[in-house]
PDB file of N, CA and C in Angstrom:
ATOM      1  N   MET A   1     218.602 102.867  27.380  1.00  0.00           N
ATOM      2  CA  MET A   1     219.169 101.597  26.959  1.00  0.00           C
ATOM      3  C   MET A   1     220.142 101.828  25.818  1.00  0.00           C
ATOM      4  N   VAL A   2     221.177 101.058  25.836  1.00  0.00           N
ATOM      5  CA  VAL A   2     222.125 101.141  24.734  1.00  0.00           C
ATOM      6  C   VAL A   2     221.480 100.563  23.475  1.00  0.00           C
ATOM      7  N   PRO A   3     221.934 100.953  22.284  1.00  0.00           N
ATOM      8  CA  PRO A   3     221.280 100.544  21.043  1.00  0.00           C
ATOM      9  C   PRO A   3     221.050  99.048  20.875  1.00  0.00           C
ATOM     10  N   ARG A   4     222.015  98.184  21.231  1.00  0.00           N
ATOM     11  CA  ARG A   4     221.784  96.749  21.017  1.00  0.00           C
ATOM     12  C   ARG A   4     220.715  96.202  21.947  1.00  0.00           C
ATOM     13  N   VAL A   5     220.610  96.718  23.167  1.00  0.00           N
ATOM     14  CA  VAL A   5     219.534  96.321  24.076  1.00  0.00           C
ATOM     15  C   VAL A   5     218.215  96.899  23.569  1.00  0.00           C
ATOM     16  N   ALA A   6     218.242  98.156  23.122  1.00  0.00           N
ATOM     17  CA  ALA A   6     217.041  98.820  22.627  1.00  0.00           C
ATOM     18  C   ALA A   6     216.409  98.054  21.477  1.00  0.00           C
ATOM     19  N   LYS A   7     217.223  97.629  20.530  1.00  0.00           N
ATOM     20  CA  LYS A   7     216.699  96.911  19.372  1.00  0.00           C
ATOM     21  C   LYS A   7     216.024  95.608  19.795  1.00  0.00           C
ATOM     22  N   ALA A   8     216.675  94.862  20.668  1.00  0.00           N
ATOM     23  CA  ALA A   8     216.105  93.606  21.141  1.00  0.00           C
ATOM     24  C   ALA A   8     214.831  93.852  21.943  1.00  0.00           C
ATOM     25  N   PHE A   9     214.849  94.872  22.798  1.00  0.00           N
ATOM     26  CA  PHE A   9     213.686  95.154  23.632  1.00  0.00           C
ATOM     27  C   PHE A   9     212.506  95.620  22.798  1.00  0.00           C
ATOM     28  N   LEU A  10     212.753  96.438  21.785  1.00  0.00           N
ATOM     29  CA  LEU A  10     211.672  96.943  20.948  1.00  0.00           C
ATOM     30  C   LEU A  10     210.967  95.797  20.227  1.00  0.00           C
ATOM     31  N   GLU A  11     211.710  94.743  19.889  1.00  0.00           N
ATOM     32  CA  GLU A  11     211.097  93.592  19.237  1.00  0.00           C
ATOM     33  C   GLU A  11     210.111  92.899  20.175  1.00  0.00           C
ATOM     34  N   LEU A  12     210.311  92.994  21.489  1.00  0.00           N
ATOM     35  CA  LEU A  12     209.438  92.365  22.474  1.00  0.00           C
ATOM     36  C   LEU A  12     208.357  93.314  22.987  1.00  0.00           C
ATOM     37  N   ALA A  13     208.626  94.599  22.948  1.00  0.00           N
ATOM     38  CA  ALA A  13     207.722  95.588  23.532  1.00  0.00           C
ATOM     39  C   ALA A  13     206.566  95.938  22.592  1.00  0.00           C
ATOM     40  N   LYS A  14     205.496  96.417  23.189  1.00  0.00           N
ATOM     41  CA  LYS A  14     204.349  96.862  22.407  1.00  0.00           C
ATOM     42  C   LYS A  14     204.269  98.383  22.352  1.00  0.00           C
ATOM     43  N   ALA A  15     205.199  99.060  23.003  1.00  0.00           N
ATOM     44  CA  ALA A  15     205.177 100.525  23.029  1.00  0.00           C
ATOM     45  C   ALA A  15     206.614 101.042  22.994  1.00  0.00           C
ATOM     46  N   GLY A  16     206.752 102.319  22.733  1.00  0.00           N
ATOM     47  CA  GLY A  16     208.067 102.929  22.674  1.00  0.00           C
ATOM     48  C   GLY A  16     208.517 103.101  21.243  1.00  0.00           C
ATOM     49  N   ALA A  17     209.736 103.582  21.093  1.00  0.00           N
ATOM     50  CA  ALA A  17     210.276 103.856  19.762  1.00  0.00           C
ATOM     51  C   ALA A  17     211.800 103.845  19.821  1.00  0.00           C
ATOM     52  N   ILE A  18     212.423 103.854  18.659  1.00  0.00           N
ATOM     53  CA  ILE A  18     213.874 103.976  18.553  1.00  0.00           C
ATOM     54  C   ILE A  18     214.209 105.397  18.112  1.00  0.00           C
ATOM     55  N   ASP A  19     215.094 106.061  18.855  1.00  0.00           N
ATOM     56  CA  ASP A  19     215.529 107.411  18.497  1.00  0.00           C
ATOM     57  C   ASP A  19     216.322 107.324  17.201  1.00  0.00           C
ATOM     58  N   PRO A  20     215.895 108.035  16.149  1.00  0.00           N
ATOM     59  CA  PRO A  20     216.590 107.938  14.865  1.00  0.00           C
ATOM     60  C   PRO A  20     218.020 108.483  14.893  1.00  0.00           C
ATOM     61  N   ASP A  21     218.323 109.377  15.811  1.00  0.00           N
ATOM     62  CA  ASP A  21     219.663 109.953  15.882  1.00  0.00           C
ATOM     63  C   ASP A  21     220.653 109.095  16.668  1.00  0.00           C
ATOM     64  N   THR A  22     220.185 108.484  17.764  1.00  0.00           N
ATOM     65  CA  THR A  22     221.094 107.737  18.640  1.00  0.00           C
ATOM     66  C   THR A  22     220.923 106.230  18.553  1.00  0.00           C
ATOM     67  N   GLY A  23     219.761 105.769  18.073  1.00  0.00           N
ATOM     68  CA  GLY A  23     219.476 104.339  18.063  1.00  0.00           C
ATOM     69  C   GLY A  23     219.000 103.836  19.414  1.00  0.00           C
ATOM     70  N   ASP A  24     218.851 104.729  20.389  1.00  0.00           N
ATOM     71  CA  ASP A  24     218.399 104.342  21.720  1.00  0.00           C
ATOM     72  C   ASP A  24     216.905 104.036  21.720  1.00  0.00           C
ATOM     73  N   TYR A  25     216.507 103.092  22.570  1.00  0.00           N
ATOM     74  CA  TYR A  25     215.089 102.805  22.775  1.00  0.00           C
ATOM     75  C   TYR A  25     214.500 103.910  23.641  1.00  0.00           C
ATOM     76  N   LEU A  26     213.367 104.436  23.240  1.00  0.00           N
ATOM     77  CA  LEU A  26     212.680 105.476  23.996  1.00  0.00           C
ATOM     78  C   LEU A  26     211.417 104.870  24.594  1.00  0.00           C
ATOM     79  N   PRO A  27     211.463 104.515  25.865  1.00  0.00           N
ATOM     80  CA  PRO A  27     210.293 103.885  26.478  1.00  0.00           C
ATOM     81  C   PRO A  27     209.178 104.892  26.706  1.00  0.00           C
ATOM     82  N   PRO A  28     207.942 104.396  26.829  1.00  0.00           N
ATOM     83  CA  PRO A  28     206.843 105.317  27.108  1.00  0.00           C
ATOM     84  C   PRO A  28     206.971 105.961  28.490  1.00  0.00           C
ATOM     85  N   ILE A  29     207.703 105.318  29.391  1.00  0.00           N
ATOM     86  CA  ILE A  29     207.979 105.873  30.722  1.00  0.00           C
ATOM     87  C   ILE A  29     209.487 105.801  30.913  1.00  0.00           C
ATOM     88  N   LYS A  30     210.092 106.901  31.313  1.00  0.00           N
ATOM     89  CA  LYS A  30     211.531 106.913  31.566  1.00  0.00           C
ATOM     90  C   LYS A  30     211.781 107.505  32.943  1.00  0.00           C
ATOM     91  N   VAL A  31     212.560 106.815  33.745  1.00  0.00           N
ATOM     92  CA  VAL A  31     212.923 107.301  35.076  1.00  0.00           C
ATOM     93  C   VAL A  31     214.438 107.256  35.200  1.00  0.00           C
ATOM     94  N   ASP A  32     214.966 107.963  36.165  1.00  0.00           N
ATOM     95  CA  ASP A  32     216.417 108.054  36.319  1.00  0.00           C
ATOM     96  C   ASP A  32     216.963 107.283  37.512  1.00  0.00           C
ATOM     97  N   SER A  33     216.117 106.474  38.169  1.00  0.00           N
ATOM     98  CA  SER A  33     216.628 105.691  39.293  1.00  0.00           C
ATOM     99  C   SER A  33     215.981 104.312  39.305  1.00  0.00           C
ATOM    100  N   LEU A  34     216.752 103.341  39.760  1.00  0.00           N
ATOM    101  CA  LEU A  34     216.225 101.983  39.866  1.00  0.00           C
ATOM    102  C   LEU A  34     215.072 101.923  40.857  1.00  0.00           C
ATOM    103  N   ARG A  35     215.175 102.675  41.937  1.00  0.00           N
ATOM    104  CA  ARG A  35     214.110 102.677  42.941  1.00  0.00           C
ATOM    105  C   ARG A  35     212.786 103.140  42.331  1.00  0.00           C
ATOM    106  N   THR A  36     212.813 104.215  41.559  1.00  0.00           N
ATOM    107  CA  THR A  36     211.596 104.716  40.919  1.00  0.00           C
ATOM    108  C   THR A  36     211.081 103.718  39.892  1.00  0.00           C
ATOM    109  N   ALA A  37     211.976 103.155  39.097  1.00  0.00           N
ATOM    110  CA  ALA A  37     211.562 102.163  38.101  1.00  0.00           C
ATOM    111  C   ALA A  37     210.908 100.970  38.782  1.00  0.00           C
ATOM    112  N   ARG A  38     211.498 100.496  39.856  1.00  0.00           N
ATOM    113  CA  ARG A  38     210.954  99.378  40.619  1.00  0.00           C
ATOM    114  C   ARG A  38     209.551  99.701  41.125  1.00  0.00           C
ATOM    115  N   GLU A  39     209.353 100.889  41.651  1.00  0.00           N
ATOM    116  CA  GLU A  39     208.039 101.293  42.164  1.00  0.00           C
ATOM    117  C   GLU A  39     207.004 101.367  41.042  1.00  0.00           C
ATOM    118  N   VAL A  40     207.387 101.902  39.875  1.00  0.00           N
ATOM    119  CA  VAL A  40     206.476 101.980  38.736  1.00  0.00           C
ATOM    120  C   VAL A  40     206.073 100.578  38.290  1.00  0.00           C
ATOM    121  N   VAL A  41     207.046  99.698  38.158  1.00  0.00           N
ATOM    122  CA  VAL A  41     206.766  98.329  37.713  1.00  0.00           C
ATOM    123  C   VAL A  41     205.869  97.613  38.723  1.00  0.00           C
ATOM    124  N   MET A  42     206.150  97.765  40.008  1.00  0.00           N
ATOM    125  CA  MET A  42     205.364  97.068  41.026  1.00  0.00           C
ATOM    126  C   MET A  42     203.942  97.606  41.142  1.00  0.00           C
ATOM    127  N   ALA A  43     203.720  98.850  40.726  1.00  0.00           N
ATOM    128  CA  ALA A  43     202.395  99.457  40.864  1.00  0.00           C
ATOM    129  C   ALA A  43     201.602  99.470  39.560  1.00  0.00           C
ATOM    130  N   SER A  44     202.107  98.790  38.517  1.00  0.00           N
ATOM    131  CA  SER A  44     201.432  98.861  37.225  1.00  0.00           C
ATOM    132  C   SER A  44     201.707  97.595  36.423  1.00  0.00           C
ATOM    133  N   ASP A  45     201.371  97.659  35.143  1.00  0.00           N
ATOM    134  CA  ASP A  45     201.688  96.534  34.259  1.00  0.00           C
ATOM    135  C   ASP A  45     202.916  96.851  33.403  1.00  0.00           C
ATOM    136  N   ALA A  46     203.744  97.775  33.871  1.00  0.00           N
ATOM    137  CA  ALA A  46     204.960  98.154  33.153  1.00  0.00           C
ATOM    138  C   ALA A  46     205.999  97.042  33.230  1.00  0.00           C
ATOM    139  N   VAL A  47     206.923  97.052  32.283  1.00  0.00           N
ATOM    140  CA  VAL A  47     208.048  96.127  32.255  1.00  0.00           C
ATOM    141  C   VAL A  47     209.315  96.956  32.389  1.00  0.00           C
ATOM    142  N   GLY A  48     210.258  96.474  33.161  1.00  0.00           N
ATOM    143  CA  GLY A  48     211.508  97.193  33.321  1.00  0.00           C
ATOM    144  C   GLY A  48     212.678  96.239  33.208  1.00  0.00           C
ATOM    145  N   THR A  49     213.864  96.798  33.187  1.00  0.00           N
ATOM    146  CA  THR A  49     215.082  95.995  33.189  1.00  0.00           C
ATOM    147  C   THR A  49     215.941  96.424  34.369  1.00  0.00           C
ATOM    148  N   ALA A  50     216.611  95.446  34.954  1.00  0.00           N
ATOM    149  CA  ALA A  50     217.489  95.731  36.088  1.00  0.00           C
ATOM    150  C   ALA A  50     218.419  94.545  36.274  1.00  0.00           C
ATOM    151  N   PRO A  51     219.581  94.781  36.859  1.00  0.00           N
ATOM    152  CA  PRO A  51     220.454  93.654  37.195  1.00  0.00           C
ATOM    153  C   PRO A  51     219.731  92.741  38.186  1.00  0.00           C
ATOM    154  N   LEU A  52     219.776  91.448  37.937  1.00  0.00           N
ATOM    155  CA  LEU A  52     219.075  90.485  38.787  1.00  0.00           C
ATOM    156  C   LEU A  52     219.471  90.620  40.252  1.00  0.00           C
ATOM    157  N   ALA A  53     220.736  90.874  40.506  1.00  0.00           N
ATOM    158  CA  ALA A  53     221.202  90.988  41.889  1.00  0.00           C
ATOM    159  C   ALA A  53     220.476  92.097  42.654  1.00  0.00           C
ATOM    160  N   LEU A  54     220.041  93.129  41.948  1.00  0.00           N
ATOM    161  CA  LEU A  54     219.384  94.255  42.618  1.00  0.00           C
ATOM    162  C   LEU A  54     217.898  94.046  42.857  1.00  0.00           C
ATOM    163  N   ILE A  55     217.286  93.121  42.136  1.00  0.00           N
ATOM    164  CA  ILE A  55     215.849  92.884  42.316  1.00  0.00           C
ATOM    165  C   ILE A  55     215.537  91.480  42.825  1.00  0.00           C
ATOM    166  N   ALA A  56     216.567  90.674  43.083  1.00  0.00           N
ATOM    167  CA  ALA A  56     216.367  89.302  43.559  1.00  0.00           C
ATOM    168  C   ALA A  56     215.491  89.229  44.813  1.00  0.00           C
ATOM    169  N   PRO A  57     215.661  90.116  45.800  1.00  0.00           N
ATOM    170  CA  PRO A  57     214.783  90.044  46.977  1.00  0.00           C
ATOM    171  C   PRO A  57     213.304  90.259  46.616  1.00  0.00           C
ATOM    172  N   ASP A  58     213.037  91.141  45.662  1.00  0.00           N
ATOM    173  CA  ASP A  58     211.652  91.381  45.245  1.00  0.00           C
ATOM    174  C   ASP A  58     211.085  90.183  44.493  1.00  0.00           C
ATOM    175  N   ILE A  59     211.921  89.513  43.701  1.00  0.00           N
ATOM    176  CA  ILE A  59     211.470  88.313  42.987  1.00  0.00           C
ATOM    177  C   ILE A  59     211.197  87.205  43.997  1.00  0.00           C
ATOM    178  N   LYS A  60     212.109  87.015  44.936  1.00  0.00           N
ATOM    179  CA  LYS A  60     211.939  85.969  45.955  1.00  0.00           C
ATOM    180  C   LYS A  60     210.674  86.195  46.785  1.00  0.00           C
ATOM    181  N   ALA A  61     210.367  87.465  47.076  1.00  0.00           N
ATOM    182  CA  ALA A  61     209.187  87.797  47.876  1.00  0.00           C
ATOM    183  C   ALA A  61     207.900  87.808  47.053  1.00  0.00           C
ATOM    184  N   GLY A  62     208.009  87.650  45.735  1.00  0.00           N
ATOM    185  CA  GLY A  62     206.817  87.641  44.888  1.00  0.00           C
ATOM    186  C   GLY A  62     206.318  89.011  44.493  1.00  0.00           C
ATOM    187  N   ARG A  63     207.095  90.051  44.775  1.00  0.00           N
ATOM    188  CA  ARG A  63     206.680  91.411  44.406  1.00  0.00           C
ATOM    189  C   ARG A  63     206.962  91.702  42.935  1.00  0.00           C
ATOM    190  N   LEU A  64     207.972  91.025  42.360  1.00  0.00           N
ATOM    191  CA  LEU A  64     208.320  91.158  40.948  1.00  0.00           C
ATOM    192  C   LEU A  64     208.473  89.760  40.358  1.00  0.00           C
ATOM    193  N   ALA A  65     208.360  89.682  39.052  1.00  0.00           N
ATOM    194  CA  ALA A  65     208.574  88.406  38.352  1.00  0.00           C
ATOM    195  C   ALA A  65     209.620  88.625  37.271  1.00  0.00           C
ATOM    196  N   GLY A  66     210.486  87.663  37.116  1.00  0.00           N
ATOM    197  CA  GLY A  66     211.491  87.738  36.063  1.00  0.00           C
ATOM    198  C   GLY A  66     210.926  87.192  34.764  1.00  0.00           C
ATOM    199  N   LEU A  67     211.343  87.765  33.661  1.00  0.00           N
ATOM    200  CA  LEU A  67     210.942  87.280  32.341  1.00  0.00           C
ATOM    201  C   LEU A  67     212.105  86.518  31.733  1.00  0.00           C
ATOM    202  N   PRO A  68     211.838  85.451  30.993  1.00  0.00           N
ATOM    203  CA  PRO A  68     212.909  84.618  30.447  1.00  0.00           C
ATOM    204  C   PRO A  68     213.554  85.194  29.189  1.00  0.00           C
ATOM    205  N   VAL A  69     214.227  86.317  29.337  1.00  0.00           N
ATOM    206  CA  VAL A  69     214.924  86.931  28.210  1.00  0.00           C
ATOM    207  C   VAL A  69     216.409  86.665  28.396  1.00  0.00           C
ATOM    208  N   ARG A  70     216.965  85.856  27.523  1.00  0.00           N
ATOM    209  CA  ARG A  70     218.385  85.517  27.584  1.00  0.00           C
ATOM    210  C   ARG A  70     218.974  85.718  26.196  1.00  0.00           C
ATOM    211  N   LEU A  71     219.730  86.767  26.025  1.00  0.00           N
ATOM    212  CA  LEU A  71     220.383  87.042  24.757  1.00  0.00           C
ATOM    213  C   LEU A  71     221.877  86.807  24.936  1.00  0.00           C
ATOM    214  N   PRO A  72     222.550  86.227  23.963  1.00  0.00           N
ATOM    215  CA  PRO A  72     223.959  85.857  24.117  1.00  0.00           C
ATOM    216  C   PRO A  72     224.869  87.008  24.563  1.00  0.00           C
ATOM    217  N   TRP A  73     224.603  88.206  24.119  1.00  0.00           N
ATOM    218  CA  TRP A  73     225.479  89.324  24.441  1.00  0.00           C
ATOM    219  C   TRP A  73     225.109  90.008  25.750  1.00  0.00           C
ATOM    220  N   MET A  74     224.011  89.585  26.416  1.00  0.00           N
ATOM    221  CA  MET A  74     223.605  90.205  27.677  1.00  0.00           C
ATOM    222  C   MET A  74     224.350  89.548  28.824  1.00  0.00           C
ATOM    223  N   LYS A  75     225.567  90.018  29.065  1.00  0.00           N
ATOM    224  CA  LYS A  75     226.375  89.501  30.156  1.00  0.00           C
ATOM    225  C   LYS A  75     227.336  90.575  30.616  1.00  0.00           C
ATOM    226  N   THR A  76     227.841  90.391  31.792  1.00  0.00           N
ATOM    227  CA  THR A  76     228.834  91.312  32.331  1.00  0.00           C
ATOM    228  C   THR A  76     230.141  90.569  32.474  1.00  0.00           C
ATOM    229  N   SER A  77     231.211  91.311  32.632  1.00  0.00           N
ATOM    230  CA  SER A  77     232.509  90.670  32.833  1.00  0.00           C
ATOM    231  C   SER A  77     233.238  91.326  33.990  1.00  0.00           C
TER     232      SER A  77
END
């Protein structure tokens, strides 16, 4: 996660840390693909982040749930 996302996420999370050199959030579990992250989240009580468009089918099917996190700077252009 980029530093501004990391800082906001750490305020909500109960685990993980901020890397003192980069400011990045260091989650207790780190994966390199959305597919793996999705599988970890669906098989546990883990929380992940992903673009809504990529997980909308899982939310619609009830396999994942969205959390109401809306920060002003969390947008794409």
